[in-house]
Amino acid sequence: MKLLLAAIAVNGIFPTAPAPVPQPVAYVASTAPAEGVVRIKSAFSFDETVSRIKGDVAAKGIRFFNEIDQTALGSDAGIKISRSTLVLFGNPPLGIQFLASNPYAGLDWPVRMLVLEDANGVVWVAWTDFNFIADRYRISDRSAQLKMASEVAASIASAATK
């Protein structure tokens, strides 16, 4: 009977336990009202925050890919939204390692960092927690790279706090 149950479990007839929910990284101020998203409150205006994020990316020698003014996109569609700009950047030798583990991880690379202003005028910097991304794509063979990506993203976001 034990052998039969083991064979059934191995062949996937019994569901496996759900993966543990990743915890936000310790150096992030708060979780955002969205699963797997972390954020920090900026100490600066919206425009200054975007400028500081882009400046820190450049100072670190990280590749800047694009800046998308989502507020303008909304305006073009006749939809008014709060200020929101998406900044895309990354270190291809690091990021491509995640795609080597699971090519679908390309949906989350390069790194996307969102600068947004809420209804109260508070400016936030948000990004997807890398542990959440690793869980999403079942990446289990890149612990050191995930740690590095988490530290670099937090460091870049911190440009909005100092």
Protein backbone atom coordinates (compact mmCIF):
# COMPACT_ATOMS: atom_id res chain seq x y z
CA MET A 1 0.00 0.00 0.00
CA LYS A 2 2.86 2.42 0.87
CA LEU A 3 4.45 1.68 -2.48
CA LEU A 4 1.16 2.38 -4.29
CA LEU A 5 0.70 5.70 -2.45
CA ALA A 6 4.29 6.69 -3.22
CA ALA A 7 3.81 5.87 -6.90
CA ILE A 8 0.58 7.87 -7.02
CA ALA A 9 2.22 10.86 -5.31
CA VAL A 10 5.24 10.78 -7.64
CA ASN A 11 3.02 10.64 -10.70
CA GLY A 12 1.13 13.74 -9.59
CA ILE A 13 -2.24 12.25 -8.78
CA PHE A 14 -2.19 13.84 -5.32
CA PRO A 15 -1.65 17.60 -5.38
CA THR A 16 1.54 18.84 -3.87
CA ALA A 17 1.55 21.33 -1.04
CA PRO A 18 1.39 24.93 -2.23
CA ALA A 19 4.69 26.76 -2.52
CA PRO A 20 5.47 29.02 0.42
CA VAL A 21 4.46 32.63 -0.07
CA PRO A 22 7.59 34.71 -0.53
CA GLN A 23 8.15 37.37 2.10
CA PRO A 24 9.03 40.97 1.19
CA VAL A 25 12.72 41.70 1.46
CA ALA A 26 13.67 43.13 4.86
CA TYR A 27 15.02 46.49 3.68
CA VAL A 28 11.79 47.54 1.94
CA ALA A 29 9.55 49.92 3.85
CA SER A 30 6.20 48.34 3.05
CA THR A 31 4.26 46.06 0.79
CA ALA A 32 2.05 47.67 -1.80
CA PRO A 33 -1.63 46.85 -2.17
CA ALA A 34 -0.77 44.16 -4.72
CA GLU A 35 0.65 40.66 -4.34
CA GLY A 36 4.42 40.45 -4.71
CA VAL A 37 4.92 44.21 -4.98
CA VAL A 38 7.14 46.15 -2.62
CA ARG A 39 7.41 49.89 -2.31
CA ILE A 40 9.12 52.75 -0.59
CA LYS A 41 7.88 56.24 0.01
CA SER A 42 9.88 58.87 -1.83
CA ALA A 43 11.23 61.93 -0.03
CA PHE A 44 11.04 63.93 -3.25
CA SER A 45 8.62 65.25 -5.85
CA PHE A 46 7.42 62.97 -8.62
CA ASP A 47 9.75 64.43 -11.27
CA GLU A 48 12.73 64.46 -8.91
CA THR A 49 12.05 60.82 -7.97
CA VAL A 50 12.03 59.71 -11.62
CA SER A 51 15.22 61.71 -12.21
CA ARG A 52 16.94 60.17 -9.18
CA ILE A 53 15.98 56.61 -10.18
CA LYS A 54 17.31 57.14 -13.71
CA GLY A 55 20.43 58.86 -12.38
CA ASP A 56 21.21 56.00 -10.01
CA VAL A 57 20.73 53.45 -12.79
CA ALA A 58 23.24 55.40 -14.90
CA ALA A 59 25.68 55.87 -11.99
CA LYS A 60 25.71 52.13 -11.37
CA GLY A 61 26.44 51.41 -15.05
CA ILE A 62 23.16 49.53 -15.43
CA ARG A 63 21.48 49.52 -18.81
CA PHE A 64 18.53 51.93 -19.09
CA PHE A 65 15.94 50.60 -21.52
CA ASN A 66 13.00 52.95 -21.42
CA GLU A 67 10.77 55.31 -19.50
CA ILE A 68 7.02 55.08 -20.07
CA ASP A 69 4.80 57.96 -19.01
CA GLN A 70 1.64 56.05 -18.16
CA THR A 71 -0.22 59.25 -17.27
CA ALA A 72 0.30 60.49 -20.84
CA LEU A 73 -0.89 57.16 -22.21
CA GLY A 74 -4.05 57.49 -20.12
CA SER A 75 -4.55 61.05 -21.29
CA ASP A 76 -4.17 59.96 -24.92
CA ALA A 77 -6.94 57.42 -24.29
CA GLY A 78 -9.14 60.00 -22.56
CA ILE A 79 -8.62 58.42 -19.13
CA LYS A 80 -7.31 60.53 -16.27
CA ILE A 81 -5.00 58.69 -13.85
CA SER A 82 -2.61 59.82 -11.16
CA ARG A 83 0.98 60.47 -12.17
CA SER A 84 2.68 57.19 -13.07
CA THR A 85 5.94 56.49 -14.87
CA LEU A 86 7.44 53.07 -15.50
CA VAL A 87 11.24 52.88 -15.68
CA LEU A 88 12.79 49.81 -17.33
CA PHE A 89 16.41 48.88 -16.69
CA GLY A 90 18.64 45.90 -16.08
CA ASN A 91 21.95 44.16 -16.18
CA PRO A 92 21.63 41.70 -19.09
CA PRO A 93 24.34 39.27 -17.85
CA LEU A 94 22.41 38.99 -14.57
CA GLY A 95 18.83 39.09 -15.87
CA ILE A 96 19.39 36.60 -18.67
CA GLN A 97 20.36 34.00 -16.06
CA PHE A 98 16.74 33.98 -14.89
CA LEU A 99 15.57 33.37 -18.45
CA ALA A 100 18.06 30.50 -18.67
CA SER A 101 16.20 28.92 -15.73
CA ASN A 102 12.77 29.60 -17.19
CA PRO A 103 12.31 31.48 -20.48
CA TYR A 104 8.91 32.76 -19.33
CA ALA A 105 10.73 34.86 -16.74
CA GLY A 106 11.29 37.20 -19.68
CA LEU A 107 7.85 38.56 -18.86
CA ASP A 108 9.42 40.18 -15.79
CA TRP A 109 12.80 41.20 -17.21
CA PRO A 110 14.16 43.74 -17.66
CA VAL A 111 13.40 45.18 -14.22
CA ARG A 112 10.40 47.48 -14.04
CA MET A 113 10.32 50.16 -11.38
CA LEU A 114 7.17 52.23 -11.06
CA VAL A 115 7.11 55.77 -9.76
CA LEU A 116 3.58 56.84 -8.88
CA GLU A 117 1.81 59.57 -7.01
CA ASP A 118 -1.21 58.55 -4.96
CA ALA A 119 -4.43 60.53 -4.40
CA ASN A 120 -2.85 62.21 -1.36
CA GLY A 121 0.14 63.46 -3.36
CA VAL A 122 2.52 60.90 -1.83
CA VAL A 123 5.14 59.64 -4.29
CA TRP A 124 6.00 55.93 -4.18
CA VAL A 125 8.61 53.75 -5.86
CA ALA A 126 7.41 50.18 -6.43
CA TRP A 127 8.76 47.02 -8.03
CA THR A 128 8.10 43.30 -8.01
CA ASP A 129 9.80 41.38 -5.23
CA PHE A 130 12.40 39.06 -6.76
CA ASN A 131 11.49 36.22 -4.41
CA PHE A 132 7.93 36.50 -5.72
CA ILE A 133 9.27 36.36 -9.29
CA ALA A 134 11.39 33.32 -8.45
CA ASP A 135 8.36 31.58 -7.01
CA ARG A 136 6.19 32.60 -9.96
CA TYR A 137 8.59 31.03 -12.46
CA ARG A 138 9.79 28.24 -10.17
CA ILE A 139 13.37 29.45 -10.33
CA SER A 140 15.27 27.54 -7.69
CA ASP A 141 18.79 27.47 -9.11
CA ARG A 142 19.69 31.17 -8.96
CA SER A 143 19.67 32.12 -5.25
CA ALA A 144 22.79 34.28 -5.40
CA GLN A 145 21.56 36.09 -8.51
CA LEU A 146 18.13 36.70 -6.96
CA LYS A 147 19.78 38.10 -3.85
CA MET A 148 21.93 40.40 -5.97
CA ALA A 149 18.95 41.56 -8.07
CA SER A 150 16.98 42.29 -4.88
CA GLU A 151 19.84 44.28 -3.38
CA VAL A 152 20.44 46.29 -6.56
CA ALA A 153 16.74 47.13 -6.97
CA ALA A 154 16.48 48.24 -3.34
CA SER A 155 19.63 50.31 -3.75
CA ILE A 156 18.25 52.04 -6.85
CA ALA A 157 14.89 52.67 -5.18
CA SER A 158 16.70 54.15 -2.17
CA ALA A 159 17.85 57.00 -4.42
CA ALA A 160 14.35 58.37 -3.77
CA THR A 161 14.91 58.46 -0.01
CA LYS A 162 18.26 60.22 0.39
